[in-house]
Amino acid sequence: GRQVALGALIAATAHGSDLTVALRAVFGRCGLPTRPEDLGLPVELLVDAVQRAPDMRPGRYTILSEVDLSRSAVRDLVAAAFA
């Protein structure tokens, strides 16, 4: 569940949602992680996970189906999600 919090921040950022900042604040107040370091996760592991995520359930739409999944673009997305 704690990893889902990080994924929600990435998804909100990919959507270009104004809720990303609010989610970070709520997660912080609830004691949920707001950065990969909070769970001891290397950023590169998240980059790998984001790149692979659309292939986990083929045929199922996610916002990740709409974004550039090149390594550099995903790094930028992850950086923005946890800025």
Foldseek 3Di string as FASTA:
>chain_A
DLVVLLVVLLQCLLVVHPCLVVSLVVCVVVVRDQACVVVPHDVVVVLVCLLCVCVPDDPDDGSSVVDDSDSVRSSVSSVVSND
